[in-house]
Amino acid sequence: MRLFAVIVPPRPVLDDLCEAVLAARTPVTAPVPPRRHFGRLRARTSVRAPMARPSEASEGEFAMSAPERMYLPITHFGNVTQGDSIRLAEALRAEAATWKRPQVHFSGSAALEWPGDQSVWAKLDGDLDALMTIGRGVVHVSQGLGFFVDRRQFRPWLSVGTITLATTAPYLERLVEVLDSFRGHSWTIESVSLSERRPAAAASTEFQEIDRIPLDSR
């Protein structure tokens, strides 16, 4: 199985976030002054000017993820056997019992942050020290067991979707402005999910949870 570790926010929190993303499609009375430059966007889409006015956005300008496909990735383990997944879950369960449950909320954004990145991200704020402890801890435990892990540093970001060939810089500017001004409801991270990635054509969700690792409940 293709195993990875994620944090899954509560559905009401994701629904609020999706509403904020959709708000970027709502016409406004005046264009938002530009705050960021997305040079990679213009190079990727070969768009010099939007076909619509800056205060409008077409349905095809952004591929928003469905809430059931949204999660915070921690690390990927590659293809593992069922026995190895059980061994990993047991080791993580023992260690996670010492990790504090962070209280967090969505606030802020990032977009097209590295070469090849096509995502728009919603950032988490709040008890980030405890959250980063979880991210580092999952990697440390898995490496101690000899698992292959994704070496990219854990980021407390969640992808809300990806740009498309029709994405314009004014629309993307408006979307990140909306996410920068958004402050979601606070929620407590209570567990880490070990999940199996599934072929998109085979299921309505991108992943299936196979084990839930609870954090310290004290």
N, C-alpha and C. Protein backbone atom coordinates (compact mmCIF):
# COMPACT_ATOMS: atom_id res chain seq x y z
N MET A 1 0.84 -1.19 0.00
CA MET A 1 0.00 0.00 0.00
C MET A 1 0.88 1.25 0.00
N ARG A 2 0.37 2.34 -0.60
CA ARG A 2 1.08 3.61 -0.63
C ARG A 2 0.65 4.42 0.60
N LEU A 3 1.50 4.39 1.60
CA LEU A 3 1.13 4.90 2.92
C LEU A 3 1.66 6.31 3.15
N PHE A 4 0.87 7.14 3.81
CA PHE A 4 1.34 8.46 4.20
C PHE A 4 0.62 8.90 5.46
N ALA A 5 1.21 9.88 6.13
CA ALA A 5 0.66 10.42 7.38
C ALA A 5 0.10 11.81 7.12
N VAL A 6 -1.08 12.06 7.64
CA VAL A 6 -1.75 13.35 7.42
C VAL A 6 -2.47 13.79 8.69
N ILE A 7 -2.84 15.07 8.69
CA ILE A 7 -3.76 15.61 9.68
C ILE A 7 -5.00 16.06 8.93
N VAL A 8 -6.15 15.57 9.35
CA VAL A 8 -7.41 15.88 8.67
C VAL A 8 -8.21 16.85 9.54
N PRO A 9 -8.43 18.08 9.07
CA PRO A 9 -9.24 19.03 9.84
C PRO A 9 -10.70 18.59 9.91
N PRO A 10 -11.44 19.07 10.89
CA PRO A 10 -12.88 18.77 10.98
C PRO A 10 -13.61 19.29 9.74
N ARG A 11 -14.67 18.59 9.35
CA ARG A 11 -15.39 18.97 8.14
C ARG A 11 -15.96 20.40 8.22
N PRO A 12 -16.56 20.84 9.34
CA PRO A 12 -17.05 22.22 9.38
C PRO A 12 -15.96 23.25 9.14
N VAL A 13 -14.76 22.98 9.62
CA VAL A 13 -13.63 23.89 9.39
C VAL A 13 -13.29 23.94 7.90
N LEU A 14 -13.30 22.79 7.26
CA LEU A 14 -13.01 22.74 5.82
C LEU A 14 -14.11 23.41 5.02
N ASP A 15 -15.35 23.24 5.43
CA ASP A 15 -16.47 23.88 4.73
C ASP A 15 -16.33 25.41 4.77
N ASP A 16 -15.95 25.94 5.93
CA ASP A 16 -15.74 27.39 6.03
C ASP A 16 -14.61 27.85 5.13
N LEU A 17 -13.55 27.06 5.07
CA LEU A 17 -12.42 27.40 4.22
C LEU A 17 -12.83 27.39 2.74
N CYS A 18 -13.61 26.41 2.36
CA CYS A 18 -14.08 26.33 0.96
C CYS A 18 -14.96 27.53 0.61
N GLU A 19 -15.77 27.98 1.55
CA GLU A 19 -16.60 29.16 1.30
C GLU A 19 -15.73 30.38 1.05
N ALA A 20 -14.62 30.48 1.79
CA ALA A 20 -13.71 31.60 1.59
C ALA A 20 -13.08 31.54 0.20
N VAL A 21 -12.71 30.34 -0.23
CA VAL A 21 -12.12 30.19 -1.57
C VAL A 21 -13.12 30.58 -2.64
N LEU A 22 -14.36 30.14 -2.49
CA LEU A 22 -15.40 30.47 -3.47
C LEU A 22 -15.70 31.96 -3.49
N ALA A 23 -15.46 32.64 -2.38
CA ALA A 23 -15.74 34.07 -2.33
C ALA A 23 -14.86 34.85 -3.29
N ALA A 24 -13.72 34.27 -3.66
CA ALA A 24 -12.83 34.95 -4.60
C ALA A 24 -13.46 35.04 -5.99
N ARG A 25 -14.50 34.23 -6.25
CA ARG A 25 -15.19 34.28 -7.53
C ARG A 25 -16.29 35.33 -7.56
N THR A 26 -16.62 35.89 -6.41
CA THR A 26 -17.70 36.85 -6.33
C THR A 26 -17.24 38.20 -6.86
N PRO A 27 -17.99 38.82 -7.78
CA PRO A 27 -17.59 40.13 -8.28
C PRO A 27 -17.51 41.16 -7.15
N VAL A 28 -16.52 42.02 -7.23
CA VAL A 28 -16.34 43.09 -6.25
C VAL A 28 -16.48 44.43 -6.96
N THR A 29 -16.66 45.49 -6.19
CA THR A 29 -16.91 46.79 -6.80
C THR A 29 -15.64 47.42 -7.34
N ALA A 30 -14.51 47.03 -6.80
CA ALA A 30 -13.25 47.60 -7.27
C ALA A 30 -12.17 46.54 -7.17
N PRO A 31 -11.21 46.55 -8.07
CA PRO A 31 -10.14 45.56 -8.00
C PRO A 31 -9.26 45.78 -6.78
N VAL A 32 -8.76 44.68 -6.22
CA VAL A 32 -7.86 44.76 -5.07
C VAL A 32 -6.49 45.20 -5.55
N PRO A 33 -5.86 46.17 -4.90
CA PRO A 33 -4.52 46.58 -5.32
C PRO A 33 -3.57 45.39 -5.26
N PRO A 34 -2.70 45.22 -6.27
CA PRO A 34 -1.80 44.06 -6.30
C PRO A 34 -0.81 44.07 -5.15
N ARG A 35 -0.64 42.93 -4.54
CA ARG A 35 0.30 42.78 -3.43
C ARG A 35 1.39 41.77 -3.73
N ARG A 36 1.15 40.88 -4.65
CA ARG A 36 2.13 39.85 -4.97
C ARG A 36 2.28 39.75 -6.47
N HIS A 37 3.42 39.21 -6.87
CA HIS A 37 3.68 38.99 -8.29
C HIS A 37 3.87 37.50 -8.51
N PHE A 38 3.20 36.97 -9.49
CA PHE A 38 3.23 35.54 -9.76
C PHE A 38 3.87 35.32 -11.13
N GLY A 39 5.18 35.53 -11.18
CA GLY A 39 5.87 35.39 -12.46
C GLY A 39 5.76 34.01 -13.04
N ARG A 40 5.79 32.98 -12.19
CA ARG A 40 5.71 31.60 -12.69
C ARG A 40 4.34 31.33 -13.28
N LEU A 41 3.30 32.03 -12.72
CA LEU A 41 1.96 31.85 -13.28
C LEU A 41 1.92 32.36 -14.71
N ARG A 42 2.45 33.54 -14.95
CA ARG A 42 2.40 34.10 -16.29
C ARG A 42 3.22 33.26 -17.26
N ALA A 43 4.35 32.74 -16.80
CA ALA A 43 5.15 31.88 -17.66
C ALA A 43 4.44 30.58 -17.98
N ARG A 44 3.71 30.07 -16.99
CA ARG A 44 3.05 28.78 -17.18
C ARG A 44 1.83 28.90 -18.07
N THR A 45 1.08 29.98 -17.92
CA THR A 45 -0.18 30.10 -18.64
C THR A 45 -0.08 30.92 -19.91
N SER A 46 1.05 31.62 -20.07
CA SER A 46 1.24 32.52 -21.22
C SER A 46 0.12 33.53 -21.32
N VAL A 47 -0.39 33.99 -20.16
CA VAL A 47 -1.46 34.97 -20.11
C VAL A 47 -0.85 36.33 -19.79
N ARG A 48 -1.03 37.29 -20.68
CA ARG A 48 -0.53 38.64 -20.43
C ARG A 48 -1.60 39.53 -19.83
N ALA A 49 -2.86 39.24 -20.13
CA ALA A 49 -3.97 40.02 -19.58
C ALA A 49 -5.19 39.12 -19.50
N PRO A 50 -6.05 39.32 -18.46
CA PRO A 50 -7.23 38.47 -18.32
C PRO A 50 -8.25 38.76 -19.39
N MET A 51 -8.99 37.73 -19.79
CA MET A 51 -10.07 37.91 -20.76
C MET A 51 -11.24 38.65 -20.12
N ALA A 52 -11.45 38.44 -18.81
CA ALA A 52 -12.53 39.13 -18.10
C ALA A 52 -11.96 40.31 -17.33
N ARG A 53 -12.87 41.16 -16.82
CA ARG A 53 -12.41 42.27 -16.01
C ARG A 53 -11.79 41.75 -14.73
N PRO A 54 -10.85 42.50 -14.08
CA PRO A 54 -10.18 42.02 -12.86
C PRO A 54 -11.15 41.68 -11.74
N SER A 55 -12.37 42.21 -11.76
CA SER A 55 -13.31 41.94 -10.67
C SER A 55 -14.15 40.70 -10.92
N GLU A 56 -13.85 39.95 -11.98
CA GLU A 56 -14.62 38.76 -12.30
C GLU A 56 -13.69 37.56 -12.42
N ALA A 57 -14.23 36.37 -12.24
CA ALA A 57 -13.46 35.14 -12.38
C ALA A 57 -14.34 34.08 -13.01
N SER A 58 -13.81 33.34 -13.93
CA SER A 58 -14.58 32.28 -14.57
C SER A 58 -14.46 30.99 -13.77
N GLU A 59 -15.38 30.04 -14.00
CA GLU A 59 -15.36 28.78 -13.27
C GLU A 59 -14.09 28.00 -13.53
N GLY A 60 -13.46 28.23 -14.70
CA GLY A 60 -12.30 27.43 -15.04
C GLY A 60 -10.98 27.97 -14.55
N GLU A 61 -11.01 29.06 -13.77
CA GLU A 61 -9.75 29.68 -13.37
C GLU A 61 -9.08 29.00 -12.19
N PHE A 62 -9.77 28.10 -11.50
CA PHE A 62 -9.15 27.45 -10.34
C PHE A 62 -9.81 26.11 -10.10
N ALA A 63 -9.01 25.09 -9.87
CA ALA A 63 -9.52 23.75 -9.58
C ALA A 63 -9.49 23.55 -8.07
N MET A 64 -10.59 23.91 -7.40
CA MET A 64 -10.65 23.77 -5.95
C MET A 64 -10.82 22.31 -5.55
N SER A 65 -10.11 21.90 -4.55
CA SER A 65 -10.24 20.53 -4.05
C SER A 65 -11.55 20.37 -3.30
N ALA A 66 -12.15 19.19 -3.38
CA ALA A 66 -13.32 18.88 -2.58
C ALA A 66 -12.90 18.74 -1.11
N PRO A 67 -13.76 19.09 -0.16
CA PRO A 67 -13.39 19.00 1.25
C PRO A 67 -12.89 17.61 1.66
N GLU A 68 -13.49 16.55 1.08
CA GLU A 68 -13.07 15.20 1.46
C GLU A 68 -11.68 14.84 0.93
N ARG A 69 -11.11 15.71 0.09
CA ARG A 69 -9.75 15.49 -0.41
C ARG A 69 -8.73 16.42 0.24
N MET A 70 -9.17 17.19 1.22
CA MET A 70 -8.29 18.17 1.85
C MET A 70 -7.67 17.61 3.12
N TYR A 71 -6.38 17.80 3.26
CA TYR A 71 -5.67 17.36 4.46
C TYR A 71 -4.32 18.04 4.51
N LEU A 72 -3.67 18.01 5.68
CA LEU A 72 -2.32 18.52 5.82
C LEU A 72 -1.36 17.34 5.72
N PRO A 73 -0.56 17.28 4.65
CA PRO A 73 0.38 16.17 4.53
C PRO A 73 1.54 16.32 5.52
N ILE A 74 1.90 15.23 6.17
CA ILE A 74 3.07 15.23 7.06
C ILE A 74 4.26 14.60 6.36
N THR A 75 4.10 13.34 5.92
CA THR A 75 5.17 12.68 5.17
C THR A 75 4.61 11.46 4.46
N HIS A 76 5.31 11.05 3.41
CA HIS A 76 4.96 9.84 2.66
C HIS A 76 5.96 8.75 2.98
N PHE A 77 5.49 7.51 3.03
CA PHE A 77 6.36 6.38 3.36
C PHE A 77 6.63 5.48 2.16
N GLY A 78 6.01 5.77 1.03
CA GLY A 78 6.17 4.91 -0.13
C GLY A 78 5.30 3.67 -0.02
N ASN A 79 5.65 2.64 -0.77
CA ASN A 79 4.90 1.38 -0.74
C ASN A 79 5.37 0.52 0.44
N VAL A 80 4.46 0.17 1.31
CA VAL A 80 4.79 -0.64 2.48
C VAL A 80 3.83 -1.81 2.57
N THR A 81 4.24 -2.85 3.28
CA THR A 81 3.38 -4.01 3.49
C THR A 81 2.41 -3.73 4.64
N GLN A 82 1.38 -4.55 4.75
CA GLN A 82 0.43 -4.37 5.84
C GLN A 82 1.11 -4.58 7.18
N GLY A 83 2.04 -5.53 7.24
CA GLY A 83 2.75 -5.78 8.49
C GLY A 83 3.59 -4.58 8.91
N ASP A 84 4.25 -3.96 7.94
CA ASP A 84 5.06 -2.78 8.26
C ASP A 84 4.17 -1.61 8.69
N SER A 85 2.99 -1.49 8.09
CA SER A 85 2.09 -0.40 8.48
C SER A 85 1.63 -0.58 9.93
N ILE A 86 1.41 -1.82 10.34
CA ILE A 86 1.01 -2.09 11.72
C ILE A 86 2.16 -1.76 12.67
N ARG A 87 3.36 -2.15 12.28
CA ARG A 87 4.54 -1.86 13.11
C ARG A 87 4.74 -0.36 13.27
N LEU A 88 4.56 0.37 12.18
CA LEU A 88 4.71 1.83 12.24
C LEU A 88 3.64 2.44 13.13
N ALA A 89 2.40 1.98 13.00
CA ALA A 89 1.31 2.53 13.80
C ALA A 89 1.55 2.31 15.29
N GLU A 90 2.06 1.14 15.64
CA GLU A 90 2.33 0.86 17.06
C GLU A 90 3.41 1.79 17.62
N ALA A 91 4.47 2.02 16.82
CA ALA A 91 5.55 2.90 17.27
C ALA A 91 5.06 4.35 17.38
N LEU A 92 4.27 4.78 16.41
CA LEU A 92 3.75 6.14 16.46
C LEU A 92 2.78 6.33 17.61
N ARG A 93 1.98 5.32 17.89
CA ARG A 93 1.00 5.42 18.97
C ARG A 93 1.71 5.64 20.32
N ALA A 94 2.81 4.96 20.53
CA ALA A 94 3.55 5.12 21.78
C ALA A 94 4.15 6.51 21.90
N GLU A 95 4.68 7.04 20.80
CA GLU A 95 5.31 8.35 20.82
C GLU A 95 4.28 9.48 20.84
N ALA A 96 3.20 9.30 20.08
CA ALA A 96 2.20 10.36 19.97
C ALA A 96 1.48 10.61 21.29
N ALA A 97 1.51 9.65 22.19
CA ALA A 97 0.88 9.84 23.50
C ALA A 97 1.58 10.93 24.30
N THR A 98 2.78 11.36 23.86
CA THR A 98 3.52 12.42 24.55
C THR A 98 3.39 13.77 23.83
N TRP A 99 2.70 13.82 22.69
CA TRP A 99 2.61 15.05 21.91
C TRP A 99 1.37 15.84 22.30
N LYS A 100 1.56 17.11 22.56
CA LYS A 100 0.47 18.00 22.93
C LYS A 100 -0.53 18.14 21.77
N ARG A 101 -1.80 18.34 22.12
CA ARG A 101 -2.83 18.59 21.12
C ARG A 101 -2.86 20.09 20.80
N PRO A 102 -2.42 20.50 19.63
CA PRO A 102 -2.38 21.94 19.32
C PRO A 102 -3.77 22.49 19.02
N GLN A 103 -3.98 23.73 19.39
CA GLN A 103 -5.18 24.44 18.99
C GLN A 103 -4.78 25.41 17.87
N VAL A 104 -5.44 25.29 16.73
CA VAL A 104 -5.02 26.02 15.54
C VAL A 104 -6.24 26.60 14.81
N HIS A 105 -5.96 27.42 13.82
CA HIS A 105 -7.00 27.95 12.93
C HIS A 105 -6.33 28.31 11.62
N PHE A 106 -7.12 28.38 10.55
CA PHE A 106 -6.60 28.78 9.26
C PHE A 106 -6.54 30.30 9.17
N SER A 107 -5.39 30.79 8.71
CA SER A 107 -5.21 32.22 8.50
C SER A 107 -3.97 32.41 7.66
N GLY A 108 -4.11 33.08 6.53
CA GLY A 108 -2.96 33.32 5.66
C GLY A 108 -2.93 32.38 4.48
N SER A 109 -2.01 32.68 3.55
CA SER A 109 -1.98 31.91 2.31
C SER A 109 -0.57 31.83 1.75
N ALA A 110 -0.41 30.96 0.78
CA ALA A 110 0.80 30.85 -0.03
C ALA A 110 0.37 30.31 -1.38
N ALA A 111 1.15 30.59 -2.41
CA ALA A 111 0.78 30.13 -3.75
C ALA A 111 2.03 30.00 -4.61
N LEU A 112 2.10 28.90 -5.36
CA LEU A 112 3.19 28.68 -6.33
C LEU A 112 4.54 28.94 -5.68
N GLU A 113 4.80 28.23 -4.58
CA GLU A 113 5.93 28.57 -3.73
C GLU A 113 7.27 28.00 -4.18
N TRP A 114 7.28 27.01 -5.03
CA TRP A 114 8.54 26.43 -5.48
C TRP A 114 8.36 25.92 -6.90
N PRO A 115 9.43 25.67 -7.62
CA PRO A 115 9.29 25.20 -9.01
C PRO A 115 8.44 23.94 -9.09
N GLY A 116 7.45 23.97 -9.95
CA GLY A 116 6.55 22.83 -10.10
C GLY A 116 5.33 22.88 -9.21
N ASP A 117 5.31 23.76 -8.21
CA ASP A 117 4.15 23.88 -7.33
C ASP A 117 3.04 24.61 -8.06
N GLN A 118 1.86 24.01 -8.14
CA GLN A 118 0.70 24.63 -8.79
C GLN A 118 -0.43 24.88 -7.80
N SER A 119 -0.14 24.75 -6.52
CA SER A 119 -1.18 24.84 -5.49
C SER A 119 -1.31 26.24 -4.92
N VAL A 120 -2.51 26.50 -4.41
CA VAL A 120 -2.75 27.62 -3.51
C VAL A 120 -2.97 27.00 -2.13
N TRP A 121 -2.30 27.54 -1.13
CA TRP A 121 -2.27 26.94 0.20
C TRP A 121 -2.93 27.84 1.23
N ALA A 122 -3.65 27.24 2.15
CA ALA A 122 -4.15 27.93 3.34
C ALA A 122 -3.22 27.58 4.49
N LYS A 123 -2.73 28.59 5.18
CA LYS A 123 -1.79 28.37 6.27
C LYS A 123 -2.52 28.21 7.60
N LEU A 124 -1.92 27.43 8.47
CA LEU A 124 -2.42 27.30 9.83
C LEU A 124 -1.69 28.28 10.74
N ASP A 125 -2.41 28.78 11.73
CA ASP A 125 -1.84 29.63 12.76
C ASP A 125 -2.31 29.11 14.11
N GLY A 126 -1.68 29.58 15.17
CA GLY A 126 -2.03 29.11 16.50
C GLY A 126 -0.84 28.47 17.18
N ASP A 127 -1.04 27.31 17.76
CA ASP A 127 0.01 26.61 18.51
C ASP A 127 0.92 25.87 17.53
N LEU A 128 1.72 26.64 16.78
CA LEU A 128 2.53 26.03 15.73
C LEU A 128 3.71 25.25 16.28
N ASP A 129 4.23 25.62 17.45
CA ASP A 129 5.35 24.86 18.02
C ASP A 129 4.94 23.41 18.27
N ALA A 130 3.76 23.23 18.86
CA ALA A 130 3.27 21.87 19.12
C ALA A 130 2.98 21.14 17.82
N LEU A 131 2.49 21.87 16.82
CA LEU A 131 2.21 21.25 15.53
C LEU A 131 3.49 20.80 14.84
N MET A 132 4.53 21.62 14.89
CA MET A 132 5.80 21.24 14.28
C MET A 132 6.43 20.07 15.02
N THR A 133 6.20 19.97 16.32
CA THR A 133 6.68 18.81 17.08
C THR A 133 6.07 17.52 16.54
N ILE A 134 4.79 17.57 16.19
CA ILE A 134 4.14 16.40 15.60
C ILE A 134 4.78 16.05 14.27
N GLY A 135 4.96 17.06 13.41
CA GLY A 135 5.55 16.80 12.10
C GLY A 135 6.94 16.19 12.20
N ARG A 136 7.77 16.77 13.05
CA ARG A 136 9.12 16.22 13.23
C ARG A 136 9.08 14.85 13.89
N GLY A 137 8.16 14.66 14.81
CA GLY A 137 8.09 13.40 15.53
C GLY A 137 7.71 12.23 14.64
N VAL A 138 6.76 12.43 13.73
CA VAL A 138 6.37 11.36 12.81
C VAL A 138 7.55 10.93 11.96
N VAL A 139 8.30 11.90 11.45
CA VAL A 139 9.47 11.58 10.62
C VAL A 139 10.53 10.86 11.45
N HIS A 140 10.77 11.33 12.66
CA HIS A 140 11.80 10.73 13.51
C HIS A 140 11.46 9.27 13.84
N VAL A 141 10.23 9.01 14.20
CA VAL A 141 9.83 7.64 14.55
C VAL A 141 9.96 6.71 13.34
N SER A 142 9.50 7.16 12.20
CA SER A 142 9.54 6.31 11.01
C SER A 142 10.96 6.06 10.54
N GLN A 143 11.82 7.07 10.63
CA GLN A 143 13.21 6.86 10.26
C GLN A 143 13.89 5.88 11.20
N GLY A 144 13.53 5.93 12.48
CA GLY A 144 14.10 5.00 13.45
C GLY A 144 13.74 3.56 13.16
N LEU A 145 12.62 3.34 12.46
CA LEU A 145 12.21 1.99 12.09
C LEU A 145 12.73 1.58 10.72
N GLY A 146 13.49 2.47 10.08
CA GLY A 146 14.05 2.14 8.78
C GLY A 146 13.14 2.40 7.60
N PHE A 147 12.07 3.19 7.81
CA PHE A 147 11.15 3.49 6.72
C PHE A 147 11.73 4.57 5.81
N PHE A 148 11.41 4.45 4.53
CA PHE A 148 11.68 5.54 3.60
C PHE A 148 10.66 6.64 3.84
N VAL A 149 11.12 7.87 3.99
CA VAL A 149 10.20 8.99 4.21
C VAL A 149 10.54 10.13 3.28
N ASP A 150 9.53 10.90 2.99
CA ASP A 150 9.71 12.12 2.22
C ASP A 150 10.55 13.09 3.06
N ARG A 151 11.66 13.56 2.50
CA ARG A 151 12.58 14.39 3.26
C ARG A 151 12.23 15.88 3.24
N ARG A 152 11.19 16.26 2.50
CA ARG A 152 10.79 17.65 2.50
C ARG A 152 10.27 18.06 3.87
N GLN A 153 10.60 19.27 4.29
CA GLN A 153 10.21 19.74 5.61
C GLN A 153 8.70 19.90 5.70
N PHE A 154 8.15 19.47 6.83
CA PHE A 154 6.72 19.60 7.07
C PHE A 154 6.35 21.08 7.13
N ARG A 155 5.30 21.43 6.41
CA ARG A 155 4.76 22.78 6.44
C ARG A 155 3.32 22.72 6.95
N PRO A 156 2.95 23.63 7.86
CA PRO A 156 1.56 23.65 8.36
C PRO A 156 0.63 24.33 7.36
N TRP A 157 0.59 23.79 6.14
CA TRP A 157 -0.20 24.34 5.04
C TRP A 157 -1.12 23.26 4.50
N LEU A 158 -2.26 23.69 3.98
CA LEU A 158 -3.22 22.79 3.34
C LEU A 158 -3.53 23.32 1.95
N SER A 159 -3.42 22.45 0.95
CA SER A 159 -3.72 22.85 -0.42
C SER A 159 -5.23 22.95 -0.60
N VAL A 160 -5.70 24.12 -1.05
CA VAL A 160 -7.13 24.29 -1.32
C VAL A 160 -7.46 24.04 -2.78
N GLY A 161 -6.45 23.83 -3.61
CA GLY A 161 -6.67 23.55 -5.02
C GLY A 161 -5.46 23.95 -5.85
N THR A 162 -5.59 23.85 -7.15
CA THR A 162 -4.49 24.14 -8.05
C THR A 162 -4.92 25.10 -9.15
N ILE A 163 -3.94 25.80 -9.69
CA ILE A 163 -4.23 26.68 -10.82
C ILE A 163 -4.50 25.83 -12.05
N THR A 164 -5.07 26.46 -13.07
CA THR A 164 -5.37 25.80 -14.33
C THR A 164 -4.76 26.61 -15.46
N LEU A 165 -4.91 26.12 -16.68
CA LEU A 165 -4.41 26.87 -17.83
C LEU A 165 -5.16 28.18 -18.01
N ALA A 166 -6.35 28.27 -17.43
CA ALA A 166 -7.16 29.49 -17.56
C ALA A 166 -6.93 30.48 -16.42
N THR A 167 -6.10 30.14 -15.45
CA THR A 167 -5.90 31.02 -14.30
C THR A 167 -5.23 32.32 -14.73
N THR A 168 -5.76 33.43 -14.26
CA THR A 168 -5.16 34.73 -14.52
C THR A 168 -4.50 35.25 -13.25
N ALA A 169 -3.50 36.09 -13.42
CA ALA A 169 -2.84 36.69 -12.27
C ALA A 169 -3.81 37.53 -11.42
N PRO A 170 -4.72 38.32 -12.01
CA PRO A 170 -5.66 39.07 -11.16
C PRO A 170 -6.54 38.17 -10.30
N TYR A 171 -7.00 37.04 -10.88
CA TYR A 171 -7.81 36.13 -10.07
C TYR A 171 -6.99 35.53 -8.93
N LEU A 172 -5.76 35.11 -9.22
CA LEU A 172 -4.93 34.53 -8.18
C LEU A 172 -4.61 35.55 -7.10
N GLU A 173 -4.37 36.78 -7.52
CA GLU A 173 -4.13 37.85 -6.55
C GLU A 173 -5.33 38.01 -5.62
N ARG A 174 -6.52 37.97 -6.19
CA ARG A 174 -7.73 38.12 -5.39
C ARG A 174 -7.92 36.94 -4.45
N LEU A 175 -7.60 35.74 -4.91
CA LEU A 175 -7.76 34.55 -4.08
C LEU A 175 -6.84 34.59 -2.86
N VAL A 176 -5.57 34.94 -3.05
CA VAL A 176 -4.67 34.99 -1.90
C VAL A 176 -5.04 36.13 -0.97
N GLU A 177 -5.60 37.21 -1.53
CA GLU A 177 -6.06 38.30 -0.67
C GLU A 177 -7.21 37.84 0.21
N VAL A 178 -8.12 37.07 -0.36
CA VAL A 178 -9.24 36.54 0.43
C VAL A 178 -8.73 35.62 1.53
N LEU A 179 -7.80 34.74 1.22
CA LEU A 179 -7.27 33.82 2.22
C LEU A 179 -6.44 34.54 3.27
N ASP A 180 -5.74 35.60 2.88
CA ASP A 180 -4.97 36.37 3.86
C ASP A 180 -5.88 37.05 4.88
N SER A 181 -7.06 37.45 4.46
CA SER A 181 -7.98 38.14 5.37
C SER A 181 -8.90 37.16 6.11
N PHE A 182 -8.88 35.89 5.71
CA PHE A 182 -9.74 34.89 6.34
C PHE A 182 -9.14 34.42 7.66
N ARG A 183 -10.00 34.28 8.65
CA ARG A 183 -9.58 33.64 9.92
C ARG A 183 -10.63 32.60 10.27
N GLY A 184 -10.25 31.34 10.17
CA GLY A 184 -11.18 30.27 10.43
C GLY A 184 -11.41 30.04 11.91
N HIS A 185 -12.39 29.19 12.21
CA HIS A 185 -12.68 28.84 13.60
C HIS A 185 -11.53 28.00 14.17
N SER A 186 -11.24 28.21 15.44
CA SER A 186 -10.21 27.43 16.11
C SER A 186 -10.67 25.99 16.29
N TRP A 187 -9.74 25.07 16.17
CA TRP A 187 -10.04 23.66 16.40
C TRP A 187 -8.79 22.98 16.96
N THR A 188 -8.99 21.86 17.60
CA THR A 188 -7.92 21.14 18.27
C THR A 188 -7.55 19.90 17.47
N ILE A 189 -6.26 19.76 17.18
CA ILE A 189 -5.77 18.57 16.50
C ILE A 189 -5.68 17.45 17.53
N GLU A 190 -6.44 16.41 17.35
CA GLU A 190 -6.51 15.33 18.32
C GLU A 190 -5.81 14.06 17.87
N SER A 191 -5.47 13.96 16.59
CA SER A 191 -4.90 12.71 16.10
C SER A 191 -4.15 12.93 14.79
N VAL A 192 -3.34 11.95 14.46
CA VAL A 192 -2.66 11.84 13.15
C VAL A 192 -3.23 10.62 12.45
N SER A 193 -3.51 10.75 11.18
CA SER A 193 -4.07 9.63 10.42
C SER A 193 -3.00 8.99 9.55
N LEU A 194 -2.92 7.66 9.62
CA LEU A 194 -2.16 6.90 8.63
C LEU A 194 -3.13 6.51 7.54
N SER A 195 -2.84 6.90 6.33
CA SER A 195 -3.79 6.73 5.24
C SER A 195 -3.13 6.06 4.04
N GLU A 196 -3.97 5.41 3.28
CA GLU A 196 -3.53 4.75 2.05
C GLU A 196 -4.04 5.56 0.87
N ARG A 197 -3.12 5.92 -0.02
CA ARG A 197 -3.52 6.66 -1.20
C ARG A 197 -4.23 5.73 -2.17
N ARG A 198 -5.32 6.21 -2.74
CA ARG A 198 -6.14 5.42 -3.65
C ARG A 198 -6.17 6.09 -5.02
N PRO A 199 -6.26 5.30 -6.09
CA PRO A 199 -6.38 5.90 -7.42
C PRO A 199 -7.60 6.78 -7.50
N ALA A 200 -7.43 7.99 -8.06
CA ALA A 200 -8.55 8.94 -8.10
C ALA A 200 -9.74 8.38 -8.85
N ALA A 201 -9.49 7.55 -9.86
CA ALA A 201 -10.60 7.01 -10.66
C ALA A 201 -11.34 5.89 -9.95
N ALA A 202 -10.76 5.38 -8.87
CA ALA A 202 -11.34 4.22 -8.22
C ALA A 202 -12.20 4.56 -7.02
N ALA A 203 -12.17 5.82 -6.58
CA ALA A 203 -12.91 6.16 -5.37
C ALA A 203 -13.21 7.64 -5.36
N SER A 204 -14.17 8.02 -4.52
CA SER A 204 -14.55 9.42 -4.42
C SER A 204 -13.57 10.21 -3.56
N THR A 205 -12.74 9.53 -2.79
CA THR A 205 -11.74 10.20 -1.98
C THR A 205 -10.36 9.77 -2.41
N GLU A 206 -9.39 10.68 -2.22
CA GLU A 206 -8.02 10.41 -2.64
C GLU A 206 -7.33 9.44 -1.70
N PHE A 207 -7.80 9.35 -0.47
CA PHE A 207 -7.13 8.51 0.52
C PHE A 207 -8.15 7.81 1.40
N GLN A 208 -7.71 6.74 2.02
CA GLN A 208 -8.54 6.00 2.96
C GLN A 208 -7.77 5.83 4.25
N GLU A 209 -8.34 6.25 5.36
CA GLU A 209 -7.68 6.12 6.65
C GLU A 209 -7.63 4.66 7.06
N ILE A 210 -6.43 4.20 7.43
CA ILE A 210 -6.29 2.83 7.88
C ILE A 210 -5.98 2.75 9.38
N ASP A 211 -5.54 3.85 9.96
CA ASP A 211 -5.31 3.88 11.40
C ASP A 211 -5.30 5.33 11.87
N ARG A 212 -5.79 5.54 13.06
CA ARG A 212 -5.82 6.90 13.65
C ARG A 212 -5.00 6.87 14.92
N ILE A 213 -4.00 7.75 14.98
CA ILE A 213 -3.07 7.78 16.10
C ILE A 213 -3.44 8.95 17.02
N PRO A 214 -3.98 8.69 18.22
CA PRO A 214 -4.40 9.79 19.11
C PRO A 214 -3.19 10.48 19.74
N LEU A 215 -3.34 11.78 19.97
CA LEU A 215 -2.32 12.55 20.67
C LEU A 215 -2.63 12.57 22.16
N ASP A 216 -1.72 13.15 22.93
CA ASP A 216 -1.87 13.22 24.38
C ASP A 216 -3.19 13.91 24.72
N SER A 217 -4.02 13.27 25.49
CA SER A 217 -5.34 13.81 25.84
C SER A 217 -5.35 14.58 27.15
N ARG A 218 -4.20 14.72 27.78
CA ARG A 218 -4.17 15.41 29.08
C ARG A 218 -4.30 16.92 28.90
